[in-house]
Amino acid sequence: MIINIVDNAVKYTPAGGKIVIRTKKEGNYVHVMIADNGNGITDKDKKHILRLQLSRRN
């Protein structure tokens, strides 16, 4: 999952753009934040991504 997000950030961030990856440990959890200044994902497509992740967990 993280590799796919970073791969997309590399593909869709324009030349000279910025990709930031941060991690934070909280108790037994690690939070990963990946941000870039590419075009982003449309609200319509975000719904499909969430649905895909939920179905992978089941």
N, C-alpha and C. Protein backbone atom coordinates (compact mmCIF):
# COMPACT_ATOMS: atom_id res chain seq x y z
N MET A 1 0.82 -1.20 0.00
CA MET A 1 0.00 0.00 0.00
C MET A 1 0.86 1.26 0.00
N ILE A 2 1.81 1.35 0.92
CA ILE A 2 2.66 2.54 0.98
C ILE A 2 3.48 2.67 -0.29
N ILE A 3 3.97 1.56 -0.81
CA ILE A 3 4.76 1.61 -2.04
C ILE A 3 3.92 2.15 -3.18
N ASN A 4 2.65 1.75 -3.28
CA ASN A 4 1.78 2.25 -4.34
C ASN A 4 1.56 3.76 -4.22
N ILE A 5 1.39 4.25 -3.01
CA ILE A 5 1.16 5.68 -2.81
C ILE A 5 2.41 6.48 -3.18
N VAL A 6 3.57 6.00 -2.75
CA VAL A 6 4.81 6.69 -3.09
C VAL A 6 5.06 6.63 -4.60
N ASP A 7 4.79 5.49 -5.20
CA ASP A 7 4.95 5.35 -6.65
C ASP A 7 4.07 6.36 -7.39
N ASN A 8 2.83 6.49 -6.96
CA ASN A 8 1.93 7.48 -7.59
C ASN A 8 2.42 8.90 -7.36
N ALA A 9 2.93 9.18 -6.17
CA ALA A 9 3.46 10.52 -5.90
C ALA A 9 4.61 10.83 -6.86
N VAL A 10 5.48 9.86 -7.08
CA VAL A 10 6.61 10.06 -7.99
C VAL A 10 6.11 10.26 -9.43
N LYS A 11 5.13 9.47 -9.84
CA LYS A 11 4.61 9.57 -11.21
C LYS A 11 3.90 10.89 -11.48
N TYR A 12 3.14 11.39 -10.51
CA TYR A 12 2.25 12.51 -10.78
C TYR A 12 2.69 13.85 -10.18
N THR A 13 3.83 13.87 -9.52
CA THR A 13 4.37 15.14 -9.03
C THR A 13 5.21 15.74 -10.15
N PRO A 14 4.97 16.99 -10.48
CA PRO A 14 5.71 17.60 -11.60
C PRO A 14 7.20 17.74 -11.28
N ALA A 15 8.00 17.83 -12.34
CA ALA A 15 9.44 18.03 -12.18
C ALA A 15 9.67 19.24 -11.28
N GLY A 16 10.57 19.10 -10.33
CA GLY A 16 10.84 20.18 -9.39
C GLY A 16 9.84 20.24 -8.25
N GLY A 17 8.88 19.31 -8.25
CA GLY A 17 7.86 19.27 -7.20
C GLY A 17 8.43 18.70 -5.90
N LYS A 18 7.55 18.52 -4.94
CA LYS A 18 7.98 18.10 -3.61
C LYS A 18 7.14 16.91 -3.13
N ILE A 19 7.82 15.90 -2.60
CA ILE A 19 7.17 14.74 -1.97
C ILE A 19 7.70 14.66 -0.55
N VAL A 20 6.79 14.59 0.42
CA VAL A 20 7.18 14.53 1.83
C VAL A 20 6.62 13.24 2.42
N ILE A 21 7.49 12.50 3.12
CA ILE A 21 7.06 11.28 3.82
C ILE A 21 7.44 11.46 5.29
N ARG A 22 6.45 11.34 6.17
CA ARG A 22 6.68 11.48 7.61
C ARG A 22 6.10 10.28 8.33
N THR A 23 6.72 9.93 9.43
CA THR A 23 6.19 8.86 10.29
C THR A 23 6.13 9.36 11.72
N LYS A 24 5.20 8.78 12.46
CA LYS A 24 5.04 9.14 13.87
C LYS A 24 4.56 7.90 14.62
N LYS A 25 5.25 7.56 15.68
CA LYS A 25 4.86 6.41 16.50
C LYS A 25 3.98 6.89 17.64
N GLU A 26 2.85 6.24 17.80
CA GLU A 26 1.94 6.51 18.91
C GLU A 26 1.54 5.18 19.53
N GLY A 27 2.10 4.88 20.66
CA GLY A 27 1.81 3.60 21.31
C GLY A 27 2.25 2.45 20.42
N ASN A 28 1.33 1.56 20.12
CA ASN A 28 1.63 0.41 19.27
C ASN A 28 1.40 0.68 17.79
N TYR A 29 1.12 1.91 17.42
CA TYR A 29 0.80 2.26 16.04
C TYR A 29 1.85 3.18 15.45
N VAL A 30 2.00 3.09 14.14
CA VAL A 30 2.84 4.02 13.40
C VAL A 30 1.96 4.71 12.38
N HIS A 31 1.97 6.02 12.37
CA HIS A 31 1.21 6.81 11.40
C HIS A 31 2.17 7.21 10.29
N VAL A 32 1.74 7.03 9.05
CA VAL A 32 2.56 7.40 7.90
C VAL A 32 1.80 8.46 7.12
N MET A 33 2.47 9.57 6.83
CA MET A 33 1.87 10.66 6.06
C MET A 33 2.71 10.85 4.80
N ILE A 34 2.05 10.82 3.67
CA ILE A 34 2.71 11.04 2.39
C ILE A 34 1.99 12.18 1.70
N ALA A 35 2.72 13.21 1.34
CA ALA A 35 2.11 14.38 0.69
C ALA A 35 2.97 14.79 -0.50
N ASP A 36 2.31 15.32 -1.51
CA ASP A 36 3.03 15.85 -2.66
C ASP A 36 2.25 17.03 -3.22
N ASN A 37 2.85 17.72 -4.16
CA ASN A 37 2.14 18.85 -4.77
C ASN A 37 1.75 18.55 -6.22
N GLY A 38 1.40 17.27 -6.46
CA GLY A 38 0.88 16.87 -7.76
C GLY A 38 -0.58 17.28 -7.90
N ASN A 39 -1.23 16.80 -8.95
CA ASN A 39 -2.62 17.18 -9.23
C ASN A 39 -3.61 16.69 -8.19
N GLY A 40 -3.30 15.62 -7.50
CA GLY A 40 -4.23 15.10 -6.49
C GLY A 40 -5.24 14.13 -7.07
N ILE A 41 -6.09 13.65 -6.21
CA ILE A 41 -7.12 12.67 -6.58
C ILE A 41 -8.47 13.36 -6.48
N THR A 42 -9.30 13.17 -7.49
CA THR A 42 -10.63 13.79 -7.47
C THR A 42 -11.47 13.18 -6.36
N ASP A 43 -12.46 13.93 -5.88
CA ASP A 43 -13.35 13.42 -4.84
C ASP A 43 -14.05 12.15 -5.30
N LYS A 44 -14.40 12.08 -6.57
CA LYS A 44 -15.06 10.89 -7.13
C LYS A 44 -14.15 9.66 -6.99
N ASP A 45 -12.87 9.82 -7.31
CA ASP A 45 -11.94 8.70 -7.24
C ASP A 45 -11.59 8.32 -5.81
N LYS A 46 -11.62 9.28 -4.89
CA LYS A 46 -11.31 8.99 -3.49
C LYS A 46 -12.29 7.96 -2.92
N LYS A 47 -13.54 8.01 -3.34
CA LYS A 47 -14.53 7.05 -2.86
C LYS A 47 -14.16 5.64 -3.28
N HIS A 48 -13.63 5.49 -4.49
CA HIS A 48 -13.24 4.16 -4.98
C HIS A 48 -12.01 3.63 -4.24
N ILE A 49 -11.09 4.50 -3.90
CA ILE A 49 -9.90 4.09 -3.17
C ILE A 49 -10.28 3.59 -1.79
N LEU A 50 -11.14 4.31 -1.09
CA LEU A 50 -11.59 3.89 0.23
C LEU A 50 -12.29 2.54 0.14
N ARG A 51 -13.14 2.37 -0.84
CA ARG A 51 -13.86 1.11 -1.00
C ARG A 51 -12.88 -0.04 -1.24
N LEU A 52 -11.85 0.18 -2.04
CA LEU A 52 -10.85 -0.83 -2.31
C LEU A 52 -10.13 -1.23 -1.03
N GLN A 53 -9.76 -0.28 -0.21
CA GLN A 53 -9.05 -0.57 1.04
C GLN A 53 -9.93 -1.32 2.01
N LEU A 54 -11.18 -0.95 2.10
CA LEU A 54 -12.09 -1.64 3.01
C LEU A 54 -12.28 -3.09 2.56
N SER A 55 -12.38 -3.34 1.27
CA SER A 55 -12.59 -4.70 0.80
C SER A 55 -11.33 -5.55 0.98
N ARG A 56 -10.16 -4.94 0.97
CA ARG A 56 -8.93 -5.71 1.18
C ARG A 56 -8.82 -6.17 2.63
N ARG A 57 -9.37 -5.42 3.56
CA ARG A 57 -9.30 -5.78 4.98
C ARG A 57 -10.22 -6.94 5.31
N ASN A 58 -11.29 -7.11 4.57
CA ASN A 58 -12.29 -8.15 4.89
C ASN A 58 -11.89 -9.49 4.42
